Amino acid sequence: MNRLLLSGVGLVLGCSLVTAAPAQPVIPETIYQWVQSSERMNYFFNKEKLRYAIDEAGQISADTLFVPVIKTYDNIQIEDIRTKRRWRMESDEMLEDLAGEANYLTIDLARGVVMVDAVDLLDSQLSTLEHSEPGREVVIEELSEKSREGIFYRAILEYEQEHREEILARTQKEQQNSR
């Protein structure tokens, strides 16, 4: 006998699980550089907003890189996040349309350290559902070659090396526009 059970996770038919696909946000390839996909996430960085820091004296510091990134989630990652919220007795109502996260990174190129300045949980329209500022630091050299995080950060560094003049020009333009 086939039983049909409807739940927030999906449809269960007998012993097979069929889950509804989450609404995947559209990530424009002209703006975002795809780096990798894992079984739970897709990793992108915003190549149009990649820029160097400007110090208090108005000088460009090519040792500090600002990078907005997006990670889109699959069904399992979304449900895992929502389940953890419920375990901690926190509401997960606002995460009904959860589709991924945006991270705002500062990379100290000289030290090889990534600072995760802010994390926004995103819905399928790339709107912010929740904002946090973890202030987490990651030393890239300490990440293994197979680490997804390490692969992602190293790809950003490689892109920065190959596009230094373009990033510098964008930073200079932004500097002029902010005056």
Protein backbone atom coordinates (compact mmCIF):
# COMPACT_ATOMS: atom_id res chain seq x y z
CA MET A 1 0.00 0.00 0.00
CA ASN A 2 1.42 3.40 -1.01
CA ARG A 3 0.91 6.04 1.61
CA LEU A 4 1.03 9.68 0.64
CA LEU A 5 2.38 11.96 3.35
CA LEU A 6 2.57 15.68 2.75
CA SER A 7 5.02 17.65 4.85
CA GLY A 8 7.02 20.88 4.74
CA VAL A 9 10.02 18.85 3.57
CA GLY A 10 8.46 17.11 0.61
CA LEU A 11 6.38 14.14 -0.47
CA VAL A 12 6.99 10.64 0.79
CA LEU A 13 5.68 7.89 -1.48
CA GLY A 14 6.13 4.50 0.10
CA CYS A 15 9.86 4.39 0.78
CA SER A 16 11.04 6.99 -1.73
CA LEU A 17 11.47 10.62 -0.83
CA VAL A 18 10.69 13.30 -3.39
CA THR A 19 11.47 16.81 -2.19
CA ALA A 20 10.20 20.01 -3.66
CA ALA A 21 13.00 22.07 -5.18
CA PRO A 22 13.59 25.39 -3.45
CA ALA A 23 13.23 28.53 -5.47
CA GLN A 24 16.80 29.09 -6.63
CA PRO A 25 17.93 32.68 -6.91
CA VAL A 26 19.19 33.83 -10.27
CA ILE A 27 22.90 34.64 -9.98
CA PRO A 28 23.94 36.85 -12.93
CA GLU A 29 27.13 35.46 -14.50
CA THR A 30 28.15 38.94 -15.65
CA ILE A 31 28.39 40.06 -12.02
CA TYR A 32 29.26 36.90 -10.09
CA GLN A 33 32.08 34.47 -10.69
CA TRP A 34 31.09 30.86 -9.95
CA VAL A 35 33.89 28.97 -8.20
CA GLN A 36 32.53 25.59 -7.14
CA SER A 37 29.55 23.54 -6.11
CA SER A 38 29.41 21.10 -3.25
CA GLU A 39 26.63 18.70 -2.36
CA ARG A 40 25.03 21.46 -0.28
CA MET A 41 26.11 24.84 -1.74
CA ASN A 42 27.18 26.78 -4.80
CA TYR A 43 29.96 29.36 -4.25
CA PHE A 44 30.13 32.72 -6.09
CA PHE A 45 31.96 36.00 -5.57
CA ASN A 46 30.97 39.40 -6.91
CA LYS A 47 33.67 40.31 -9.42
CA GLU A 48 32.12 43.73 -10.10
CA LYS A 49 32.26 44.83 -6.45
CA LEU A 50 35.73 43.41 -5.73
CA ARG A 51 37.83 46.37 -4.62
CA TYR A 52 40.82 47.42 -2.56
CA ALA A 53 40.63 49.36 0.67
CA ILE A 54 41.10 53.12 0.86
CA ASP A 55 42.90 54.29 3.99
CA GLU A 56 42.11 57.39 6.08
CA ALA A 57 44.52 59.49 4.01
CA GLY A 58 42.63 58.57 0.84
CA GLN A 59 45.34 56.23 -0.44
CA ILE A 60 44.44 52.90 -2.01
CA SER A 61 45.76 49.93 -0.06
CA ALA A 62 46.30 47.00 -2.44
CA ASP A 63 47.00 44.80 0.62
CA THR A 64 43.34 44.74 1.63
CA LEU A 65 40.59 43.37 -0.58
CA PHE A 66 36.83 43.69 -0.03
CA VAL A 67 34.78 40.85 -1.51
CA PRO A 68 31.01 40.25 -1.43
CA VAL A 69 30.17 36.56 -1.91
CA ILE A 70 27.03 34.51 -2.35
CA LYS A 71 26.45 30.89 -1.45
CA THR A 72 23.22 29.28 -2.64
CA TYR A 73 21.82 26.32 -0.69
CA ASP A 74 20.15 23.07 -1.70
CA ASN A 75 17.06 21.60 0.05
CA ILE A 76 19.10 19.61 2.56
CA GLN A 77 21.15 22.63 3.68
CA ILE A 78 18.01 24.74 4.01
CA GLU A 79 16.24 22.11 6.09
CA ASP A 80 19.38 21.59 8.21
CA ILE A 81 19.52 25.31 9.07
CA ARG A 82 15.82 25.42 9.89
CA THR A 83 16.05 22.25 12.01
CA LYS A 84 18.97 23.65 14.02
CA ARG A 85 16.91 26.77 14.67
CA ARG A 86 14.05 24.69 16.02
CA TRP A 87 16.44 22.64 18.23
CA ARG A 88 17.68 25.90 19.77
CA MET A 89 14.04 26.88 20.35
CA GLU A 90 14.39 29.75 17.86
CA SER A 91 11.79 30.67 15.28
CA ASP A 92 12.40 29.59 11.71
CA GLU A 93 9.27 31.23 10.26
CA MET A 94 11.16 33.97 8.47
CA LEU A 95 13.33 31.34 6.77
CA GLU A 96 10.48 29.82 4.73
CA ASP A 97 12.02 31.16 1.50
CA LEU A 98 15.66 30.66 2.55
CA ALA A 99 17.86 30.17 -0.52
CA GLY A 100 21.41 31.02 0.57
CA GLU A 101 23.69 33.55 2.18
CA ALA A 102 25.75 36.60 1.35
CA ASN A 103 29.08 37.06 3.09
CA TYR A 104 31.03 40.29 3.18
CA LEU A 105 34.73 39.50 3.38
CA THR A 106 37.83 41.55 4.01
CA ILE A 107 41.00 39.78 2.90
CA ASP A 108 44.34 40.89 4.27
CA LEU A 109 46.43 39.88 1.26
CA ALA A 110 49.77 40.38 3.03
CA ARG A 111 48.81 38.11 5.95
CA GLY A 112 46.60 35.70 3.99
CA VAL A 113 43.72 36.18 6.43
CA VAL A 114 40.03 36.35 5.57
CA MET A 115 37.72 38.24 7.92
CA VAL A 116 34.04 37.38 7.62
CA ASP A 117 32.61 40.78 8.49
CA ALA A 118 28.91 40.12 7.88
CA VAL A 119 26.56 37.32 6.87
CA ASP A 120 23.08 37.87 5.45
CA LEU A 121 20.71 34.95 5.03
CA LEU A 122 18.98 35.43 1.68
CA ASP A 123 15.64 34.52 0.17
CA SER A 124 15.08 33.40 -3.42
CA GLN A 125 14.99 37.06 -4.55
CA LEU A 126 18.40 37.73 -2.89
CA SER A 127 16.75 39.91 -0.25
CA THR A 128 18.08 39.80 3.31
CA LEU A 129 16.12 37.70 5.77
CA GLU A 130 18.58 38.03 8.65
CA HIS A 131 21.86 39.89 9.26
CA SER A 132 24.74 38.94 11.56
CA GLU A 133 28.30 40.14 12.08
CA PRO A 134 30.38 37.14 13.16
CA GLY A 135 33.81 38.79 12.93
CA ARG A 136 35.34 35.40 12.19
CA GLU A 137 38.95 35.20 10.93
CA VAL A 138 40.30 32.43 8.72
CA VAL A 139 43.98 31.91 7.93
CA ILE A 140 43.99 30.63 4.35
CA GLU A 141 47.31 28.82 4.74
CA GLU A 142 45.81 26.70 7.54
CA LEU A 143 43.04 25.37 5.27
CA SER A 144 43.74 22.12 3.46
CA GLU A 145 43.94 21.97 -0.33
CA LYS A 146 40.64 20.02 -0.35
CA SER A 147 38.80 22.34 2.02
CA ARG A 148 35.84 23.89 0.19
CA GLU A 149 36.43 27.13 2.05
CA GLY A 150 40.13 27.01 1.13
CA ILE A 151 39.37 26.32 -2.54
CA PHE A 152 36.94 29.23 -2.58
CA TYR A 153 39.29 31.73 -0.95
CA ARG A 154 42.23 30.66 -3.13
CA ALA A 155 40.08 31.14 -6.26
CA ILE A 156 39.31 34.70 -5.13
CA LEU A 157 43.03 35.35 -4.59
CA GLU A 158 43.85 33.94 -8.02
CA TYR A 159 41.21 36.16 -9.62
CA GLU A 160 42.63 39.18 -7.76
CA GLN A 161 46.13 38.44 -9.09
CA GLU A 162 44.86 38.13 -12.67
CA HIS A 163 42.68 41.28 -12.49
CA ARG A 164 44.72 43.67 -10.33
CA GLU A 165 44.61 46.57 -12.82
CA GLU A 166 40.86 46.23 -13.29
CA ILE A 167 40.26 46.12 -9.52
CA LEU A 168 42.57 49.08 -8.98
CA ALA A 169 40.74 51.11 -11.65
CA ARG A 170 37.37 50.24 -10.08
CA THR A 171 38.67 51.27 -6.64
CA GLN A 172 40.00 54.56 -8.03
CA LYS A 173 36.65 55.26 -9.69
CA GLU A 174 34.81 54.54 -6.46
CA GLN A 175 37.26 56.79 -4.59
CA GLN A 176 36.56 59.67 -7.01
CA ASN A 177 32.79 59.15 -6.80
CA SER A 178 32.85 59.28 -2.99
CA ARG A 179 34.48 62.74 -2.90
